[in-house]
Protein backbone atom coordinates (compact mmCIF):
# COMPACT_ATOMS: atom_id res chain seq x y z
CA MET A 1 -11.95 73.19 -54.69
CA ILE A 2 -10.22 75.77 -52.49
CA LYS A 3 -11.67 74.14 -49.38
CA ASN A 4 -10.41 70.70 -50.43
CA LYS A 5 -6.96 72.13 -51.12
CA SER A 6 -6.89 73.80 -47.68
CA ASN A 7 -7.87 70.53 -46.00
CA LEU A 8 -5.14 68.68 -47.92
CA ILE A 9 -2.51 71.19 -46.77
CA LYS A 10 -3.62 70.73 -43.17
CA ILE A 11 -3.41 66.94 -43.47
CA VAL A 12 0.08 67.16 -45.00
CA LEU A 13 1.25 69.52 -42.22
CA VAL A 14 -0.10 67.17 -39.56
CA LEU A 15 1.72 64.25 -41.19
CA ILE A 16 4.97 66.24 -41.38
CA VAL A 17 4.69 67.21 -37.69
CA LEU A 18 4.05 63.57 -36.73
CA VAL A 19 7.04 62.37 -38.76
CA VAL A 20 9.32 65.03 -37.19
CA LEU A 21 8.11 64.19 -33.66
CA ASN A 22 8.62 60.48 -34.34
CA TRP A 23 12.18 61.13 -35.61
CA ILE A 24 12.96 63.22 -32.52
CA GLY A 25 11.55 60.43 -30.35
CA THR A 26 14.02 57.95 -31.89
CA LYS A 27 16.96 60.27 -31.12
CA VAL A 28 15.99 61.54 -27.68
CA TYR A 29 14.93 59.17 -24.91
CA LYS A 30 14.02 60.37 -21.45
CA ARG A 31 12.48 58.58 -18.48
CA PHE A 32 10.74 60.50 -15.74
CA ASP A 33 10.67 59.17 -12.19
CA LEU A 34 7.36 60.38 -10.76
CA THR A 35 7.53 58.28 -7.58
CA GLN A 36 7.62 60.19 -4.31
CA ASP A 37 10.62 58.23 -2.99
CA GLN A 38 12.51 58.42 -6.33
CA ARG A 39 13.02 54.66 -6.25
CA TYR A 40 13.84 54.47 -9.97
CA THR A 41 16.49 57.21 -9.88
CA LEU A 42 19.96 55.76 -9.43
CA SER A 43 22.37 57.60 -7.16
CA GLN A 44 25.55 59.09 -8.62
CA SER A 45 27.69 56.73 -6.53
CA ALA A 46 25.82 53.72 -7.97
CA LEU A 47 26.22 55.04 -11.54
CA ALA A 48 29.94 55.59 -10.92
CA THR A 49 30.41 51.82 -10.50
CA VAL A 50 29.44 51.19 -14.15
CA LYS A 51 30.92 54.32 -15.70
CA ASP A 52 34.09 52.52 -16.84
CA VAL A 53 32.42 49.36 -18.16
CA LYS A 54 33.84 48.95 -21.70
CA SER A 55 32.84 45.37 -22.46
CA PRO A 56 29.68 43.32 -21.87
CA LEU A 57 28.65 42.98 -18.23
CA ILE A 58 26.11 40.16 -18.12
CA VAL A 59 23.62 39.78 -15.25
CA ASP A 60 21.67 36.53 -14.94
CA VAL A 61 18.73 36.82 -12.53
CA PHE A 62 17.18 33.59 -11.24
CA LEU A 63 14.15 35.27 -9.64
CA GLU A 64 11.73 34.08 -12.29
CA GLY A 65 8.69 31.84 -12.14
CA ASP A 66 5.25 31.55 -10.60
CA PHE A 67 5.42 32.74 -6.98
CA PRO A 68 3.45 34.98 -4.56
CA SER A 69 2.66 38.58 -5.48
CA GLU A 70 5.20 40.01 -3.00
CA PHE A 71 8.05 38.24 -4.79
CA ARG A 72 6.66 39.13 -8.21
CA ARG A 73 6.98 42.73 -7.01
CA LEU A 74 10.63 42.06 -6.07
CA ARG A 75 11.21 40.54 -9.50
CA ASN A 76 9.69 43.54 -11.29
CA GLU A 77 11.63 46.03 -9.14
CA THR A 78 14.83 44.14 -9.97
CA GLN A 79 14.06 44.37 -13.69
CA GLN A 80 13.33 48.09 -13.52
CA LEU A 81 16.55 48.73 -11.60
CA LEU A 82 18.62 46.82 -14.16
CA GLU A 83 16.90 48.73 -16.96
CA GLU A 84 18.11 51.96 -15.34
CA PHE A 85 21.68 50.64 -15.20
CA ALA A 86 21.44 49.48 -18.81
CA LEU A 87 20.18 52.87 -19.97
CA ASN A 88 23.26 54.52 -18.49
CA ASN A 89 25.65 52.00 -20.02
CA THR A 90 24.65 49.93 -23.04
CA TYR A 91 27.27 47.28 -22.23
CA ILE A 92 25.09 46.09 -19.33
CA LYS A 93 22.88 43.18 -20.40
CA PHE A 94 20.55 41.14 -18.22
CA ASN A 95 18.46 37.98 -18.47
CA PHE A 96 15.78 36.48 -16.25
CA ILE A 97 16.05 32.70 -15.92
CA ASN A 98 13.70 30.22 -14.26
CA PRO A 99 15.95 27.34 -13.14
CA LEU A 100 12.90 25.31 -12.04
CA ALA A 101 10.86 25.60 -15.23
CA ASP A 102 11.95 22.28 -16.78
CA GLU A 103 11.01 19.31 -14.61
CA LYS A 104 13.69 17.14 -16.26
CA SER A 105 16.59 19.46 -15.43
CA ARG A 106 15.11 20.90 -12.22
CA ASP A 107 17.05 18.76 -9.72
CA ASN A 108 20.30 19.17 -11.64
CA ASN A 109 19.88 22.96 -11.80
CA ILE A 110 19.17 23.13 -8.06
CA GLU A 111 22.32 21.14 -7.31
CA GLN A 112 24.50 23.30 -9.59
CA LEU A 113 23.20 26.55 -8.12
CA MET A 114 23.71 25.34 -4.55
CA GLN A 115 27.28 24.30 -5.40
CA ARG A 116 27.90 27.92 -6.39
CA GLY A 117 26.65 29.10 -3.03
CA LEU A 118 23.17 30.17 -4.21
CA GLU A 119 20.94 28.81 -1.47
CA PRO A 120 17.22 28.51 -2.31
CA LEU A 121 14.49 30.15 -0.26
CA GLN A 122 11.42 28.16 0.76
CA LEU A 123 8.18 30.11 0.78
CA SER A 124 4.87 29.36 2.44
CA VAL A 125 2.11 30.13 -0.06
CA ASN A 126 -1.46 30.42 1.23
CA ILE A 127 -4.13 30.01 -1.47
CA SER A 128 -7.79 29.66 -0.51
CA GLY A 129 -6.85 28.63 3.01
CA LYS A 130 -4.43 25.95 1.81
CA THR A 131 -0.72 26.33 2.56
CA SER A 132 1.93 24.95 0.22
CA GLN A 133 5.70 25.22 -0.01
CA GLU A 134 7.42 26.84 -2.99
CA LEU A 135 11.13 27.02 -3.80
CA ILE A 136 12.74 30.11 -5.35
CA PHE A 137 16.31 31.26 -6.00
CA PRO A 138 16.49 34.97 -5.07
CA TRP A 139 19.97 35.42 -6.57
CA ALA A 140 21.74 36.96 -9.53
CA LEU A 141 25.14 36.33 -11.09
CA ALA A 142 27.08 39.22 -12.66
CA SER A 143 29.94 38.39 -15.06
CA TYR A 144 32.55 40.78 -16.44
CA ASN A 145 35.91 40.02 -18.06
CA ASP A 146 35.96 36.35 -16.98
CA GLU A 147 35.04 37.18 -13.38
CA THR A 148 31.71 36.38 -11.73
CA VAL A 149 30.15 37.54 -8.46
CA LYS A 150 26.92 36.42 -6.84
CA ILE A 151 24.31 39.00 -5.83
CA PRO A 152 21.76 38.26 -3.09
CA LEU A 153 18.34 39.71 -3.87
CA ILE A 154 16.84 38.89 -0.44
CA LYS A 155 17.72 40.97 2.61
CA ASN A 156 17.08 38.74 5.62
CA LYS A 157 15.85 40.15 8.90
CA ILE A 158 14.98 38.11 11.97
CA GLY A 159 11.25 38.08 12.72
CA ALA A 160 10.24 39.81 9.48
CA THR A 161 7.03 38.88 7.65
CA GLN A 162 7.17 38.05 3.93
CA GLN A 163 6.04 41.56 3.05
CA GLU A 164 8.64 43.14 5.36
CA LEU A 165 11.25 40.82 3.88
CA VAL A 166 10.42 41.97 0.35
CA THR A 167 10.32 45.65 1.38
CA ASN A 168 13.78 45.38 2.97
CA SER A 169 15.05 43.55 -0.10
CA ILE A 170 13.74 46.16 -2.56
CA GLN A 171 15.30 48.88 -0.43
CA HIS A 172 18.62 47.01 -0.60
CA LEU A 173 18.62 46.24 -4.34
CA GLU A 174 20.48 49.30 -5.61
CA TYR A 175 23.28 48.86 -3.09
CA ALA A 176 23.50 45.09 -3.73
CA PHE A 177 23.98 45.56 -7.49
CA ALA A 178 26.22 48.63 -7.21
CA GLU A 179 28.49 46.94 -4.68
CA SER A 180 28.78 43.84 -6.88
CA PHE A 181 29.52 45.91 -9.98
CA GLN A 182 32.20 47.73 -7.99
CA LYS A 183 33.89 44.39 -7.20
CA LEU A 184 33.98 43.51 -10.91
CA VAL A 185 34.86 46.87 -12.44
CA ILE A 186 36.90 49.00 -10.02
CA PRO A 187 40.37 47.62 -9.20
CA LYS A 188 41.39 47.22 -5.54
CA SER A 189 43.61 49.94 -4.09
CA LYS A 190 43.17 50.15 -0.28
CA LYS A 191 45.21 47.92 2.07
CA ILE A 192 44.19 46.40 5.41
CA ALA A 193 46.57 45.14 8.11
CA ILE A 194 45.29 42.30 10.33
CA LEU A 195 47.13 42.75 13.63
CA LYS A 196 48.83 39.70 15.13
CA GLY A 197 50.99 39.04 18.18
CA ASN A 198 48.65 39.99 21.05
CA GLY A 199 46.59 36.82 21.20
CA GLN A 200 44.22 37.80 18.39
CA LEU A 201 41.96 35.23 16.75
CA GLU A 202 43.51 32.64 14.48
CA ASP A 203 43.00 32.91 10.73
CA ARG A 204 40.60 29.97 10.68
CA ASN A 205 38.27 31.91 13.03
CA LEU A 206 38.55 34.97 10.76
CA ALA A 207 38.30 33.03 7.50
CA ASP A 208 34.86 34.19 6.36
CA PHE A 209 35.55 37.84 7.22
CA LEU A 210 38.91 37.77 5.43
CA GLN A 211 37.42 36.03 2.41
CA THR A 212 34.67 38.64 2.17
CA VAL A 213 36.92 41.66 2.66
CA LYS A 214 39.60 40.58 0.21
CA GLU A 215 37.07 40.86 -2.62
CA HIS A 216 37.32 44.63 -2.13
CA TYR A 217 40.72 45.30 -0.54
CA PHE A 218 44.25 43.98 -0.19
CA ILE A 219 44.82 42.30 3.19
CA ALA A 220 47.97 41.16 5.00
CA PRO A 221 48.95 40.12 8.55
CA PHE A 222 51.05 42.55 10.57
CA THR A 223 52.86 41.80 13.85
CA LEU A 224 54.20 44.35 16.31
CA ASP A 225 57.22 42.26 17.34
CA SER A 226 59.76 44.59 15.74
CA VAL A 227 58.46 47.76 17.42
CA ALA A 228 60.99 47.63 20.25
CA SER A 229 64.00 46.99 17.97
CA ASN A 230 63.19 49.17 14.95
CA ALA A 231 60.20 51.38 15.66
CA GLU A 232 60.70 53.95 12.87
CA ALA A 233 60.96 51.35 10.12
CA THR A 234 57.99 49.39 11.51
CA LEU A 235 55.81 52.50 11.70
CA LYS A 236 56.76 53.38 8.13
CA LYS A 237 55.65 49.91 7.00
CA LEU A 238 52.37 50.16 8.91
CA ASN A 239 51.64 53.59 7.46
CA ASP A 240 51.53 51.94 4.06
CA PHE A 241 48.22 50.41 5.19
CA ASP A 242 44.95 52.33 5.24
CA LEU A 243 43.24 50.34 8.02
CA ILE A 244 44.24 48.10 10.91
CA VAL A 245 41.93 45.40 12.34
CA SER A 246 42.55 43.99 15.81
CA ALA A 247 40.28 40.97 16.28
CA LYS A 248 39.78 39.89 19.91
CA PRO A 249 43.23 40.53 21.45
CA THR A 250 43.75 38.63 24.70
CA GLN A 251 47.32 39.68 25.61
CA ALA A 252 48.25 43.12 26.96
CA PHE A 253 49.83 45.70 24.67
CA THR A 254 53.15 47.20 25.75
CA GLU A 255 53.60 50.97 26.02
CA GLU A 256 55.82 50.85 22.92
CA GLU A 257 53.09 49.06 20.95
CA LYS A 258 50.43 51.50 22.18
CA PHE A 259 52.55 54.49 21.17
CA PHE A 260 53.14 52.86 17.81
CA LEU A 261 49.39 52.37 17.23
CA ASP A 262 48.68 55.87 18.52
CA GLN A 263 51.07 57.34 15.95
CA PHE A 264 49.42 55.30 13.21
CA THR A 265 46.19 57.11 14.10
CA MET A 266 48.01 60.46 14.30
CA ASN A 267 49.12 59.88 10.69
CA GLY A 268 45.51 59.47 9.56
CA GLY A 269 45.24 55.68 9.79
CA LYS A 270 41.83 54.10 10.38
CA SER A 271 41.18 51.38 12.98
CA LEU A 272 38.62 48.66 13.67
CA TRP A 273 38.93 47.41 17.25
CA LEU A 274 37.07 44.28 18.38
CA THR A 275 38.04 44.39 22.02
CA GLU A 276 37.79 41.71 24.70
CA SER A 277 37.76 43.15 28.22
CA ILE A 278 36.18 39.96 29.64
CA LEU A 279 37.92 36.58 29.37
CA MET A 280 35.12 34.09 28.87
CA ASP A 281 34.47 31.71 26.00
CA LYS A 282 31.18 29.92 25.45
CA ASP A 283 33.04 26.83 24.23
CA SER A 284 34.58 26.43 27.71
CA LEU A 285 31.09 25.76 29.12
CA TYR A 286 30.73 22.53 27.16
CA ASN A 287 32.46 20.39 29.77
CA ASP A 288 31.33 17.95 32.44
CA GLU A 289 30.57 20.69 34.95
CA GLY A 290 28.98 23.11 32.45
CA ARG A 291 30.56 26.11 34.15
CA GLY A 292 33.37 28.62 33.72
CA ILE A 293 34.82 31.74 35.36
CA ALA A 294 34.58 35.15 33.63
CA LEU A 295 37.67 37.28 34.40
CA ILE A 296 38.85 40.80 33.58
CA ASN A 297 41.12 40.91 30.55
CA ASP A 298 43.43 43.90 31.06
CA LEU A 299 44.83 44.82 27.64
CA ASN A 300 46.54 47.97 28.91
CA LEU A 301 44.36 49.99 26.52
CA ASN A 302 42.13 51.85 29.00
CA ASP A 303 43.99 55.19 28.68
CA PHE A 304 44.30 54.58 24.93
CA PHE A 305 40.55 54.53 24.30
CA PHE A 306 39.81 56.96 27.15
CA LYS A 307 41.80 59.69 25.40
CA TYR A 308 39.93 59.11 22.16
CA GLY A 309 36.54 59.31 23.88
CA VAL A 310 35.46 55.75 24.78
CA ARG A 311 35.54 53.77 28.00
CA ILE A 312 35.24 49.98 27.91
CA ASN A 313 33.71 48.85 31.18
CA PRO A 314 34.72 45.34 32.41
CA VAL A 315 31.14 44.16 33.01
CA ILE A 316 29.01 41.55 31.26
CA VAL A 317 25.81 42.63 29.51
CA ASN A 318 22.96 40.29 30.49
CA ASP A 319 20.10 40.80 28.01
CA MET A 320 16.62 39.24 27.99
CA TYR A 321 16.50 39.69 24.20
CA SER A 322 19.29 37.39 23.11
CA ALA A 323 20.28 34.49 20.87
CA PRO A 324 19.72 30.98 22.27
CA ILE A 325 22.36 28.45 23.24
CA THR A 326 21.99 24.88 21.93
CA ILE A 327 22.45 22.17 24.55
CA ALA A 328 22.05 18.38 24.45
CA MET A 329 19.12 17.49 26.73
CA GLY A 330 18.55 13.93 27.88
CA GLU A 331 20.67 10.86 28.56
CA GLY A 332 22.71 8.75 26.14
CA SER A 333 21.07 7.94 22.82
CA ASN A 334 17.91 9.79 23.86
CA ALA A 335 19.73 13.12 24.08
CA GLN A 336 18.38 15.84 21.79
CA PHE A 337 19.84 19.23 20.94
CA GLN A 338 17.57 22.06 22.01
CA PRO A 339 17.96 25.85 21.69
CA LEU A 340 17.45 27.45 25.11
CA ARG A 341 17.35 31.03 26.39
CA TRP A 342 20.88 32.37 26.90
CA PRO A 343 21.12 35.96 28.22
CA TYR A 344 24.85 36.34 27.54
CA SER A 345 24.42 36.50 23.74
CA PRO A 346 22.77 39.92 23.23
CA LEU A 347 21.19 40.64 19.85
CA ALA A 348 22.12 44.23 19.08
CA ALA A 349 20.00 46.51 16.90
CA GLY A 350 21.62 48.97 14.51
CA ASN A 351 21.31 52.73 14.38
CA PRO A 352 18.73 53.30 11.57
CA GLU A 353 20.10 56.80 10.88
CA HIS A 354 23.64 55.69 9.95
CA PRO A 355 24.58 54.02 6.62
CA ILE A 356 26.67 51.33 8.37
CA THR A 357 23.71 49.97 10.30
CA SER A 358 20.65 51.14 8.36
CA ASN A 359 18.38 48.21 7.37
CA LEU A 360 20.76 45.82 9.16
CA ASN A 361 19.88 42.45 10.63
CA LEU A 362 20.46 41.92 14.36
CA VAL A 363 24.13 41.45 15.32
CA LYS A 364 25.02 38.64 17.70
CA PHE A 365 27.44 39.17 20.63
CA ASP A 366 28.86 36.74 23.20
CA PHE A 367 29.81 37.93 26.70
CA ALA A 368 29.84 41.56 25.56
CA SER A 369 31.16 44.44 27.63
CA GLN A 370 29.54 47.86 27.80
CA LEU A 371 30.83 51.09 26.24
CA ASP A 372 30.57 54.66 27.55
CA THR A 373 31.28 57.73 25.43
CA LEU A 374 33.36 60.53 26.95
CA LYS A 375 34.07 64.14 26.15
CA SER A 376 36.92 64.42 23.64
CA SER A 377 37.84 66.04 20.34
CA THR A 378 36.11 63.29 18.33
CA LYS A 379 32.50 62.92 17.23
CA LYS A 380 30.82 59.78 18.64
CA THR A 381 28.05 57.82 16.94
CA ILE A 382 26.43 54.81 18.60
CA LEU A 383 26.20 52.06 15.97
CA LEU A 384 24.87 49.09 17.96
CA GLN A 385 22.84 48.84 21.16
CA SER A 386 21.36 46.04 23.22
CA SER A 387 17.65 45.87 23.99
CA GLN A 388 16.00 47.85 26.78
CA LEU A 389 15.80 44.82 29.10
CA THR A 390 19.36 44.50 30.38
CA LYS A 391 21.37 44.23 33.56
CA LEU A 392 25.13 44.49 34.11
CA GLU A 393 27.12 41.85 35.96
CA GLY A 394 30.56 42.44 37.43
CA VAL A 395 33.54 40.11 37.17
CA PRO A 396 35.04 37.81 38.25
CA LYS A 397 31.85 35.78 37.99
CA GLU A 398 30.99 32.12 37.66
CA ILE A 399 28.98 31.38 34.52
CA THR A 400 26.97 28.16 34.55
CA LEU A 401 24.65 26.45 32.09
CA ASP A 402 22.13 26.02 34.91
CA ILE A 403 20.85 29.51 34.09
CA VAL A 404 18.94 28.06 31.11
CA THR A 405 16.60 26.24 33.52
CA GLN A 406 15.87 29.32 35.64
CA ASP A 407 13.12 31.86 35.02
CA PRO A 408 14.52 35.41 34.82
CA ASP A 409 13.16 38.16 37.04
CA PRO A 410 12.07 40.95 34.64
CA ALA A 411 12.26 43.51 37.47
CA THR A 412 16.06 43.15 37.57
CA TYR A 413 16.45 43.93 33.87
CA ASN A 414 16.18 47.69 34.32
CA ARG A 415 19.47 49.15 33.03
CA GLY A 416 18.14 50.14 29.59
CA PRO A 417 19.99 49.83 26.27
CA GLN A 418 23.76 49.35 26.45
CA ASN A 419 26.22 50.70 23.87
CA LEU A 420 28.02 47.84 22.13
CA ALA A 421 29.69 49.55 19.14
CA VAL A 422 30.79 53.18 18.72
CA LEU A 423 32.13 55.13 15.74
CA LEU A 424 34.69 57.88 16.43
CA GLU A 425 35.35 60.52 13.77
CA GLY A 426 37.35 63.74 13.56
CA GLU A 427 40.75 64.94 14.74
CA PHE A 428 42.22 62.62 17.37
CA THR A 429 44.51 63.91 20.14
CA SER A 430 47.49 61.71 20.89
CA VAL A 431 47.36 59.53 24.00
CA TYR A 432 50.95 60.61 24.68
CA LYS A 433 50.49 64.34 24.31
CA ASP A 434 52.26 66.08 27.22
CA ARG A 435 53.45 62.67 28.44
CA ILE A 436 56.79 60.91 28.40
CA LYS A 437 57.02 58.87 25.21
CA PRO A 438 58.11 55.21 25.36
CA PHE A 439 60.72 56.05 22.72
CA ASN A 440 61.76 59.12 20.76
CA SER A 441 60.43 59.46 17.25
CA ALA A 442 61.39 62.14 14.75
CA SER A 443 57.92 61.97 13.19
CA ASN A 444 55.99 62.18 16.48
CA LYS A 445 52.59 63.94 16.17
CA ASP A 446 50.13 65.12 18.82
CA LEU A 447 47.12 65.77 16.56
CA SER A 448 45.78 63.70 13.68
CA PRO A 449 44.18 64.81 10.44
CA PRO A 450 40.47 63.88 10.17
CA THR A 451 40.24 60.10 10.52
CA LYS A 452 37.94 57.36 11.87
CA MET A 453 37.87 54.49 14.36
CA ILE A 454 35.24 51.92 15.36
CA VAL A 455 35.32 50.24 18.77
CA ILE A 456 33.24 47.09 19.32
CA ALA A 457 32.69 45.69 22.81
CA ASP A 458 33.18 42.03 21.91
CA GLY A 459 35.72 40.19 19.76
CA ASP A 460 33.35 37.29 19.06
CA VAL A 461 31.39 39.50 16.65
CA ILE A 462 34.03 38.69 14.00
CA LYS A 463 34.53 35.03 14.94
CA ASN A 464 33.14 32.32 12.64
CA ASP A 465 32.54 28.76 13.81
CA VAL A 466 34.86 25.97 12.68
CA VAL A 467 33.33 22.51 12.12
CA LYS A 468 35.64 19.60 11.27
CA ASN A 469 38.40 22.11 10.43
CA GLN A 470 36.08 23.87 7.97
CA PRO A 471 35.29 27.56 8.66
CA GLN A 472 31.56 28.29 8.62
CA GLU A 473 29.75 31.40 7.43
CA LEU A 474 30.13 34.33 9.82
CA GLY A 475 26.88 35.07 11.64
CA PHE A 476 25.17 31.78 10.73
CA ASP A 477 23.91 29.59 13.58
CA ARG A 478 23.95 26.02 12.28
CA TRP A 479 21.76 24.81 15.16
CA THR A 480 18.84 27.17 14.66
CA GLY A 481 19.38 28.01 10.98
CA GLN A 482 19.27 31.74 11.74
CA SER A 483 21.59 34.23 10.05
CA PHE A 484 22.68 37.30 11.99
CA GLY A 485 24.03 40.58 10.63
CA ASN A 486 27.63 40.21 11.84
CA LYS A 487 29.29 39.87 8.44
CA GLU A 488 27.33 42.68 6.82
CA PHE A 489 27.97 44.98 9.79
CA LEU A 490 31.73 44.38 9.67
CA LEU A 491 31.93 44.79 5.89
CA ASN A 492 29.91 48.02 6.08
CA SER A 493 32.23 49.22 8.87
CA VAL A 494 35.32 48.55 6.77
CA ASN A 495 33.76 50.25 3.73
CA TYR A 496 32.87 53.31 5.78
CA LEU A 497 36.28 53.56 7.44
CA LEU A 498 37.97 53.36 4.05
CA SER A 499 35.83 56.21 2.69
CA ASP A 500 33.54 54.12 0.51
CA GLY A 501 30.74 55.94 2.30
CA ASP A 502 29.24 57.46 -0.86
CA LEU A 503 28.14 54.05 -2.07
CA LEU A 504 27.25 53.00 1.47
CA ASN A 505 24.82 55.92 1.71
CA VAL A 506 22.64 54.15 -0.86
CA ARG A 507 21.62 51.79 1.97
CA THR A 508 19.79 54.64 3.74
CA LYS A 509 17.49 55.21 0.76
CA ALA A 510 13.94 54.79 2.08
CA ILE A 511 11.41 53.12 -0.20
CA THR A 512 7.73 52.66 0.63
CA ILE A 513 6.10 49.58 -0.86
CA ALA A 514 2.32 49.19 -0.82
CA PHE A 515 1.06 45.61 -0.65
CA LEU A 516 -2.46 44.22 -0.89
CA ASP A 517 -3.86 42.76 2.32
CA ALA A 518 -3.91 38.98 1.70
CA GLN A 519 -6.47 38.38 4.48
CA LYS A 520 -8.91 40.96 3.10
CA ILE A 521 -8.41 39.56 -0.40
CA GLU A 522 -9.41 36.11 0.82
CA GLU A 523 -12.38 37.43 2.82
CA LYS A 524 -13.77 39.63 0.02
CA LYS A 525 -12.71 37.53 -2.97
CA THR A 526 -16.27 36.59 -3.95
CA GLN A 527 -17.48 40.18 -3.60
CA TRP A 528 -14.82 41.55 -5.93
CA GLN A 529 -15.28 38.71 -8.40
CA LEU A 530 -18.95 39.64 -8.65
CA ILE A 531 -18.10 43.34 -9.02
CA SER A 532 -15.47 42.76 -11.69
CA ILE A 533 -17.28 40.05 -13.72
CA VAL A 534 -21.05 40.10 -13.06
CA LEU A 535 -21.57 43.86 -12.62
CA PRO A 536 -20.21 44.80 -16.09
CA LEU A 537 -22.52 42.21 -17.66
CA ILE A 538 -25.52 43.62 -15.77
CA ILE A 539 -24.62 47.18 -16.84
CA LEU A 540 -24.21 46.02 -20.46
CA ALA A 541 -27.59 44.24 -20.36
CA LEU A 542 -29.33 47.33 -18.93
CA PHE A 543 -27.73 49.52 -21.57
CA GLY A 544 -28.88 47.13 -24.33
CA PHE A 545 -32.44 47.00 -22.95
CA LEU A 546 -32.60 50.81 -22.58
CA PHE A 547 -31.16 51.38 -26.07
CA ASN A 548 -33.68 49.04 -27.70
CA TYR A 549 -36.55 50.55 -25.68
CA LEU A 550 -35.67 54.12 -26.72
CA ARG A 551 -35.08 53.06 -30.32
CA ARG A 552 -38.49 51.37 -30.58
CA ARG A 553 -40.21 54.30 -28.93
CA LYS A 554 -38.60 56.73 -31.34
CA TYR A 555 -39.21 54.84 -34.58
CA THR A 556 -42.49 53.04 -33.82
């Protein structure tokens, strides 16, 4: 009796402990990220983008369906990332939708998604030696307070395999969602001035850049015409802006304008300079002769950049690793457009150690100059470089399309990588320190507070094509179908200059993804099928035979 009572007490205590633990489990929820790269731990800057969400933020993900294992991994990583966001803010809801599931509505869904700018991705699927084409939509739409933004889930990179593509995309997911949430939730506050009046690009050639940037910041044109007549008032107006962008100026700056821009920097203003020290446009080659003359474009800015720590050399970078030029080959109706080697369009690789250019696609240049860094008070960081196989050509120089038919001499491409974009940070010393000023200013300064500037050796980096008066996507080559990293590089540059670097640092997060070797799977498929299906049956049969044998021996 006593023993039964003791056992009953133990059972009751165990039940009470289980009930208490279960109740605690409903009140306290904790996830532990045991991965070495902490891929499921959101950064504080990413969490800050959803901190102020006070109404439902709905995310519709279209990466759903039956597709290769690499993209199933991307789908699962996307779900786990959104779960982390949702755990930190219960207003975040997400759904996974397969727009291709219903054959009846498939074509209509594809058309509607493409009208919203969600381009499908075509995959090559290899099953048992047979290759087939599959269509997926690697996109998401986030909606909050009647506003919607599209989120790309694929991070393109020229020459990448499917596995590399997925790895890059997974690495980019947190930044892609955080940046999109920031657009929806955090109101715009910073202002950007687009400089005009010195032969800069027209708005139609900047359309895609301006459209992209205005999702984050206020933008407005700003001319320097009134500098000579009312410098103080003009400088005061410009100082209301946080960043100036000068896109491919072709007319020289006056000393008054230089002093004006110098004082903007001395007051802590940030600058993005897309310079053009060589006058040469690829469009001018499409004439009867197929030739043009490259000339020096003196913008009267040499001492300006020299003082800050950069020299722009008036030479053309000729690079063996470059984007092609598309030319009509043949006569009359038999002519066909063909992409041919064009050494004057270098494809620049980004600095993998810096958040602006980490995990960045190649950036396309046209007739780029070369940059040197000099000793000054600023810190210099090389953002973009050409390939190793380069040579420098002086100007003036005749450029002709005949070069596409000539075989290059690799021995002449021996100048190594050339600097094409440089970031300057720190305290800038005025260009006019200890010099006669173009005009007297009561607010004149010789030393700036900590600020930033980016100098790019080619203005065409920001230029989008215009077809039938319609601006095209920046960085997209309609002839080859390739997308370059120009737009992402410029947006990252603007974000960094305007101190959105905390969120930008998410891009440097390194994630290691382990994939199965598809070739080995195909080669050893039969072996592993036998191991996983036949071997357990053999083991079970042996166990049954041995059990019956021992049982008979024991009881017979």
